[in-house]
Amino acid sequence: MKKLRLALDWTPNSNHIGFFVAQEKGFYADVEIAFEIINPALDNYARTPAKKVELGNADLALCPFESVISYQTKAVTFDAVAIATVFQEDLSAIVVRKDSNIKSPKDLDNCSYASYKARYEDEIVKQMIKNDGGEGSIRVVYPQKLGIWQTIENTTYDATWVFMNWEGVEATSKGLVLRSFKLSDFGIPYSYSPIIMGSRTRVAKSKEVYANFLSATKKGFLFSKDYPNEAAEILKPFLPKKDRQIDLIDSLKISASALENEDSWGVMSKKRVQDFINWLNLNELETTKLNFDDLVYPNLI
């Protein structure tokens, strides 16, 4: 059997359900893959998932699409490549507490933003504020990554970036009402998150293995869409204890439409990727001219 290790982008949650379902239902074993999931809590996010792939500590990583761009444009590059997206729709948003005075992104001027310190993140948020008529003068802070969400809950900081199908559902379960701002509503053609990232060289050497991995993973995610109750029971034991009160069925309902179907799961639109790259270039967040074929590995799905 071929061993593949996937570094998660966060502690286990509903964005990862297809991997856990495929593992527990034997979909990976059916294609002779011994699959291992690497939880970032094991090292308290000392290294990003993408960094683990670069160092050879993982074969694949979940990360935002920007990570692939970043790794290909660093001073010392790495052949990072996207092999699939989990969702066809952006389920993320910048959020604030609804009981704050922040009614739209422009109100974030002079407020605090809890950042994950991703390469383009802070400038994307500042540009969102500018697009809404603000100055982009937000104060960026860098809390411990796995504790970022709690800083919004306890009002330590004003805003952060979350997945509405996870932290958004968690907030509802706690009676915390959020106000959310989607990037696409403020002129930012955001691409995909999370995506599955690998090394182009390693993928090319074992193309059939990675294609089989994606086939099994697709089965896992679409199973979670068709059988949400069973999928939720599979995922629940892997959740951190603090997250086990989250309504997984509500979370999966939000996720379901973004998973789409057998023909479209995992597929990345050339136009959508190129629009985002062009936007980064236009706003001088990235100077390197890249294209879809540089960043997305072809014909695996």
Protein backbone atom coordinates (compact mmCIF):
# COMPACT_ATOMS: atom_id res chain seq x y z
CA MET A 1 0.00 0.00 0.00
CA LYS A 2 1.12 3.55 -0.71
CA LYS A 3 1.21 5.79 2.35
CA LEU A 4 -0.11 9.34 2.05
CA ARG A 5 -0.06 11.89 4.89
CA LEU A 6 -2.38 14.90 4.89
CA ALA A 7 -1.65 17.90 7.13
CA LEU A 8 -4.91 19.58 8.15
CA ASP A 9 -5.27 23.35 8.10
CA TRP A 10 -7.05 23.34 11.47
CA THR A 11 -8.16 21.00 14.20
CA PRO A 12 -10.71 18.51 12.82
CA ASN A 13 -13.97 20.10 11.71
CA SER A 14 -16.67 19.70 9.08
CA ASN A 15 -14.40 21.00 6.29
CA HIS A 16 -12.43 17.78 6.80
CA ILE A 17 -15.34 15.36 7.05
CA GLY A 18 -14.73 13.70 3.67
CA PHE A 19 -11.24 12.61 4.70
CA PHE A 20 -12.44 11.05 7.93
CA VAL A 21 -15.40 9.38 6.22
CA ALA A 22 -13.20 7.97 3.43
CA GLN A 23 -10.76 6.65 6.02
CA GLU A 24 -13.40 5.08 8.27
CA LYS A 25 -15.45 3.62 5.39
CA GLY A 26 -12.36 2.05 3.82
CA PHE A 27 -12.42 4.12 0.63
CA TYR A 28 -8.65 4.73 0.82
CA ALA A 29 -7.91 1.10 1.61
CA ASP A 30 -9.99 0.12 -1.43
CA VAL A 31 -7.46 1.93 -3.65
CA GLU A 32 -4.48 0.61 -1.65
CA ILE A 33 -3.67 3.85 0.15
CA ALA A 34 -2.62 3.86 3.80
CA PHE A 35 -3.88 7.29 4.79
CA GLU A 36 -2.72 9.36 7.76
CA ILE A 37 -4.27 12.63 8.96
CA ILE A 38 -1.92 15.06 10.70
CA ASN A 39 -3.66 17.30 13.26
CA PRO A 40 -2.04 20.75 13.73
CA ALA A 41 -2.77 20.53 17.45
CA LEU A 42 0.03 17.97 17.70
CA ASP A 43 2.62 20.74 17.37
CA ASN A 44 0.30 23.65 18.27
CA TYR A 45 0.60 24.90 14.68
CA ALA A 46 4.37 25.37 15.01
CA ARG A 47 4.57 24.76 11.25
CA THR A 48 1.90 25.46 8.66
CA PRO A 49 0.44 22.51 6.74
CA ALA A 50 2.11 23.71 3.53
CA LYS A 51 5.46 23.96 5.31
CA LYS A 52 5.10 20.35 6.39
CA VAL A 53 4.78 19.35 2.74
CA GLU A 54 7.82 21.42 1.80
CA LEU A 55 9.86 19.73 4.55
CA GLY A 56 8.65 16.26 3.60
CA ASN A 57 6.75 15.78 6.87
CA ALA A 58 3.49 15.46 4.91
CA ASP A 59 2.59 14.54 1.35
CA LEU A 60 -0.43 16.82 1.14
CA ALA A 61 -1.77 19.85 2.93
CA LEU A 62 -5.05 21.64 3.30
CA CYS A 63 -4.51 25.37 2.86
CA PRO A 64 -5.95 28.41 1.10
CA PHE A 65 -5.11 28.74 -2.59
CA GLU A 66 -2.91 31.74 -1.75
CA SER A 67 -0.41 29.37 -0.15
CA VAL A 68 0.33 27.82 -3.55
CA ILE A 69 0.93 31.27 -5.02
CA SER A 70 3.10 32.26 -2.07
CA TYR A 71 5.33 29.19 -2.27
CA GLN A 72 5.93 29.67 -5.97
CA THR A 73 6.93 33.33 -5.54
CA LYS A 74 9.14 33.24 -2.44
CA ALA A 75 12.84 34.00 -2.65
CA VAL A 76 13.45 30.28 -2.30
CA THR A 77 10.60 28.64 -4.18
CA PHE A 78 8.89 25.30 -3.66
CA ASP A 79 6.92 23.49 -6.36
CA ALA A 80 3.60 23.71 -4.50
CA VAL A 81 0.60 22.87 -6.64
CA ALA A 82 -3.14 22.63 -6.03
CA ILE A 83 -4.62 19.24 -6.90
CA ALA A 84 -8.25 19.86 -5.88
CA THR A 85 -10.55 22.19 -3.98
CA VAL A 86 -12.88 21.00 -1.24
CA PHE A 87 -15.63 23.52 -2.00
CA GLN A 88 -16.91 25.14 -5.17
CA GLU A 89 -18.15 28.15 -3.21
CA ASP A 90 -16.31 30.44 -0.80
CA LEU A 91 -17.80 29.68 2.62
CA SER A 92 -15.49 32.08 4.46
CA ALA A 93 -16.07 35.64 5.62
CA ILE A 94 -14.62 38.38 7.78
CA VAL A 95 -16.71 38.48 10.94
CA VAL A 96 -17.35 40.82 13.86
CA ARG A 97 -19.72 40.58 16.78
CA LYS A 98 -23.11 41.99 15.87
CA ASP A 99 -23.22 43.86 19.17
CA SER A 100 -20.24 45.96 18.01
CA ASN A 101 -20.46 49.26 16.15
CA ILE A 102 -18.95 47.70 13.03
CA LYS A 103 -21.72 47.69 10.44
CA SER A 104 -19.62 47.26 7.29
CA PRO A 105 -15.91 46.81 6.40
CA LYS A 106 -15.19 50.56 6.32
CA ASP A 107 -16.01 50.64 10.05
CA LEU A 108 -12.98 48.41 10.67
CA ASP A 109 -10.68 51.43 10.30
CA ASN A 110 -8.77 51.80 13.58
CA CYS A 111 -10.18 48.50 14.87
CA SER A 112 -8.22 45.29 15.51
CA TYR A 113 -8.02 42.29 13.21
CA ALA A 114 -6.79 38.90 14.48
CA SER A 115 -4.66 37.56 11.62
CA TYR A 116 -3.37 34.07 10.78
CA LYS A 117 -0.27 35.76 9.31
CA ALA A 118 -0.84 34.32 5.84
CA ARG A 119 1.19 36.12 3.20
CA TYR A 120 -1.60 38.08 1.45
CA GLU A 121 -4.21 38.00 4.20
CA ASP A 122 -3.68 41.35 5.87
CA GLU A 123 -3.52 43.26 2.60
CA ILE A 124 -6.66 41.52 1.33
CA VAL A 125 -8.54 42.66 4.42
CA LYS A 126 -7.18 46.21 4.11
CA GLN A 127 -8.23 46.31 0.46
CA MET A 128 -11.70 45.12 1.42
CA ILE A 129 -11.98 48.08 3.78
CA LYS A 130 -10.80 50.48 1.06
CA ASN A 131 -13.28 49.02 -1.42
CA ASP A 132 -16.03 49.86 1.07
CA GLY A 133 -14.86 53.48 1.33
CA GLY A 134 -12.52 53.20 4.30
CA GLU A 135 -8.80 53.93 4.59
CA GLY A 136 -7.60 50.41 5.35
CA SER A 137 -6.05 51.52 8.61
CA ILE A 138 -6.96 48.41 10.58
CA ARG A 139 -4.65 47.33 13.42
CA VAL A 140 -3.39 43.81 12.66
CA VAL A 141 -2.50 41.51 15.55
CA TYR A 142 -1.14 37.94 15.52
CA PRO A 143 -2.55 35.80 18.34
CA GLN A 144 -1.73 32.13 18.79
CA LYS A 145 -3.27 30.58 15.65
CA LEU A 146 -5.45 27.92 17.25
CA GLY A 147 -6.87 30.49 19.68
CA ILE A 148 -7.79 33.20 17.16
CA TRP A 149 -11.52 32.50 17.13
CA GLN A 150 -11.73 32.81 20.91
CA THR A 151 -10.36 36.37 20.73
CA ILE A 152 -13.51 37.41 18.89
CA GLU A 153 -15.78 35.52 21.27
CA ASN A 154 -14.25 37.20 24.31
CA THR A 155 -13.98 40.65 22.63
CA THR A 156 -10.17 40.79 22.86
CA TYR A 157 -10.09 41.76 19.18
CA ASP A 158 -12.72 43.08 16.80
CA ALA A 159 -12.56 40.94 13.66
CA THR A 160 -11.10 37.84 12.05
CA TRP A 161 -11.59 35.50 9.07
CA VAL A 162 -13.67 32.37 9.63
CA PHE A 163 -15.61 29.64 7.87
CA MET A 164 -19.31 30.32 8.24
CA ASN A 165 -20.07 26.60 8.08
CA TRP A 166 -17.90 26.03 11.18
CA GLU A 167 -17.18 29.00 13.45
CA GLY A 168 -20.37 30.60 12.19
CA VAL A 169 -22.38 27.55 13.31
CA GLU A 170 -20.42 27.42 16.56
CA ALA A 171 -21.33 31.04 17.27
CA THR A 172 -25.01 30.28 16.73
CA SER A 173 -24.82 27.31 19.09
CA LYS A 174 -23.44 29.62 21.78
CA GLY A 175 -25.98 32.37 21.18
CA LEU A 176 -23.31 34.67 19.78
CA VAL A 177 -24.63 36.71 16.87
CA LEU A 178 -22.10 37.65 14.20
CA ARG A 179 -22.07 40.15 11.37
CA SER A 180 -20.24 38.76 8.34
CA PHE A 181 -18.64 40.38 5.29
CA LYS A 182 -18.00 38.16 2.25
CA LEU A 183 -15.04 39.18 0.10
CA SER A 184 -17.00 38.84 -3.13
CA ASP A 185 -19.50 41.45 -1.90
CA PHE A 186 -16.70 44.01 -1.71
CA GLY A 187 -14.95 43.61 -5.03
CA ILE A 188 -12.51 40.84 -4.19
CA PRO A 189 -12.66 37.82 -6.55
CA TYR A 190 -11.40 35.34 -3.95
CA SER A 191 -10.61 31.89 -5.35
CA TYR A 192 -10.69 28.69 -3.28
CA SER A 193 -10.21 27.65 0.33
CA PRO A 194 -9.34 25.13 1.48
CA ILE A 195 -7.56 23.41 -1.35
CA ILE A 196 -5.51 20.22 -1.32
CA MET A 197 -1.87 21.07 -2.00
CA GLY A 198 1.06 18.84 -2.92
CA SER A 199 4.48 18.96 -4.55
CA ARG A 200 4.30 18.96 -8.35
CA THR A 201 7.38 16.72 -8.55
CA ARG A 202 6.03 14.17 -6.09
CA VAL A 203 2.57 14.16 -7.67
CA ALA A 204 4.08 13.61 -11.13
CA LYS A 205 6.08 10.63 -9.86
CA SER A 206 2.98 8.94 -8.40
CA LYS A 207 0.17 10.38 -10.48
CA GLU A 208 -2.04 7.29 -10.27
CA VAL A 209 -1.76 7.20 -6.48
CA TYR A 210 -2.80 10.84 -6.15
CA ALA A 211 -5.65 10.36 -8.63
CA ASN A 212 -6.86 7.38 -6.59
CA PHE A 213 -6.58 9.46 -3.44
CA LEU A 214 -8.80 12.15 -4.94
CA SER A 215 -11.31 9.58 -6.14
CA ALA A 216 -11.62 8.12 -2.63
CA THR A 217 -11.73 11.59 -1.08
CA LYS A 218 -14.53 12.63 -3.44
CA LYS A 219 -16.51 9.57 -2.32
CA GLY A 220 -15.99 10.61 1.29
CA PHE A 221 -17.22 14.15 0.82
CA LEU A 222 -20.20 13.20 -1.32
CA PHE A 223 -21.10 10.49 1.22
CA SER A 224 -21.23 13.23 3.87
CA LYS A 225 -23.64 15.15 1.66
CA ASP A 226 -25.91 12.16 1.01
CA TYR A 227 -25.74 10.65 4.51
CA PRO A 228 -25.08 13.57 6.87
CA ASN A 229 -26.19 11.81 10.05
CA GLU A 230 -23.84 8.87 9.55
CA ALA A 231 -21.02 11.16 8.45
CA ALA A 232 -21.50 13.35 11.53
CA GLU A 233 -21.22 10.30 13.78
CA ILE A 234 -17.97 9.34 12.05
CA LEU A 235 -16.47 12.82 12.51
CA LYS A 236 -17.63 13.50 16.07
CA PRO A 237 -15.01 11.42 17.96
CA PHE A 238 -12.21 13.28 16.17
CA LEU A 239 -13.40 16.76 17.15
CA PRO A 240 -11.68 18.62 19.99
CA LYS A 241 -13.83 18.32 23.11
CA LYS A 242 -14.60 22.04 23.06
CA ASP A 243 -16.18 21.66 19.60
CA ARG A 244 -18.44 18.69 20.26
CA GLN A 245 -21.43 20.90 21.05
CA ILE A 246 -21.44 22.31 17.51
CA ASP A 247 -24.46 21.23 15.46
CA LEU A 248 -22.76 19.11 12.81
CA ILE A 249 -25.94 18.64 10.82
CA ASP A 250 -26.39 22.42 10.51
CA SER A 251 -22.75 22.71 9.51
CA LEU A 252 -23.11 20.02 6.86
CA LYS A 253 -26.26 21.65 5.48
CA ILE A 254 -24.27 24.83 4.82
CA SER A 255 -21.42 22.83 3.30
CA ALA A 256 -23.60 20.59 1.14
CA SER A 257 -24.32 22.90 -1.79
CA ALA A 258 -20.67 23.95 -2.02
CA LEU A 259 -19.60 20.30 -2.42
CA GLU A 260 -21.66 20.06 -5.61
CA ASN A 261 -21.61 16.63 -7.30
CA GLU A 262 -19.70 13.72 -8.83
CA ASP A 263 -18.76 15.70 -11.92
CA SER A 264 -17.71 18.93 -10.25
CA TRP A 265 -16.28 18.04 -6.82
CA GLY A 266 -12.67 19.17 -6.55
CA VAL A 267 -12.52 20.86 -9.96
CA MET A 268 -10.99 24.34 -10.03
CA SER A 269 -12.19 26.92 -12.55
CA LYS A 270 -9.46 28.41 -14.72
CA LYS A 271 -11.30 31.72 -14.91
CA ARG A 272 -11.82 31.94 -11.17
CA VAL A 273 -8.18 31.22 -10.41
CA GLN A 274 -6.93 33.63 -13.07
CA ASP A 275 -9.29 36.39 -11.91
CA PHE A 276 -7.83 36.13 -8.41
CA ILE A 277 -4.23 36.12 -9.66
CA ASN A 278 -4.97 39.16 -11.83
CA TRP A 279 -6.56 40.91 -8.85
CA LEU A 280 -3.45 40.29 -6.73
CA ASN A 281 -1.30 41.73 -9.53
CA LEU A 282 -3.58 44.72 -10.13
CA ASN A 283 -3.53 45.65 -6.46
CA GLU A 284 0.24 45.04 -6.23
CA LEU A 285 -0.14 42.32 -3.62
CA GLU A 286 1.87 40.09 -5.95
CA THR A 287 4.23 41.18 -8.74
CA THR A 288 5.01 37.78 -10.29
CA LYS A 289 2.84 37.00 -13.30
CA LEU A 290 1.49 33.49 -12.86
CA ASN A 291 -1.21 31.53 -14.62
CA PHE A 292 -3.58 28.69 -13.87
CA ASP A 293 -1.30 26.00 -15.32
CA ASP A 294 1.54 27.06 -13.03
CA LEU A 295 -0.60 26.56 -9.96
CA VAL A 296 -3.04 23.70 -10.61
CA TYR A 297 -2.01 20.15 -11.50
CA PRO A 298 -3.99 18.88 -14.53
CA ASN A 299 -6.23 15.87 -15.03
CA LEU A 300 -6.16 14.21 -11.62
CA ILE A 301 -9.90 14.35 -10.91
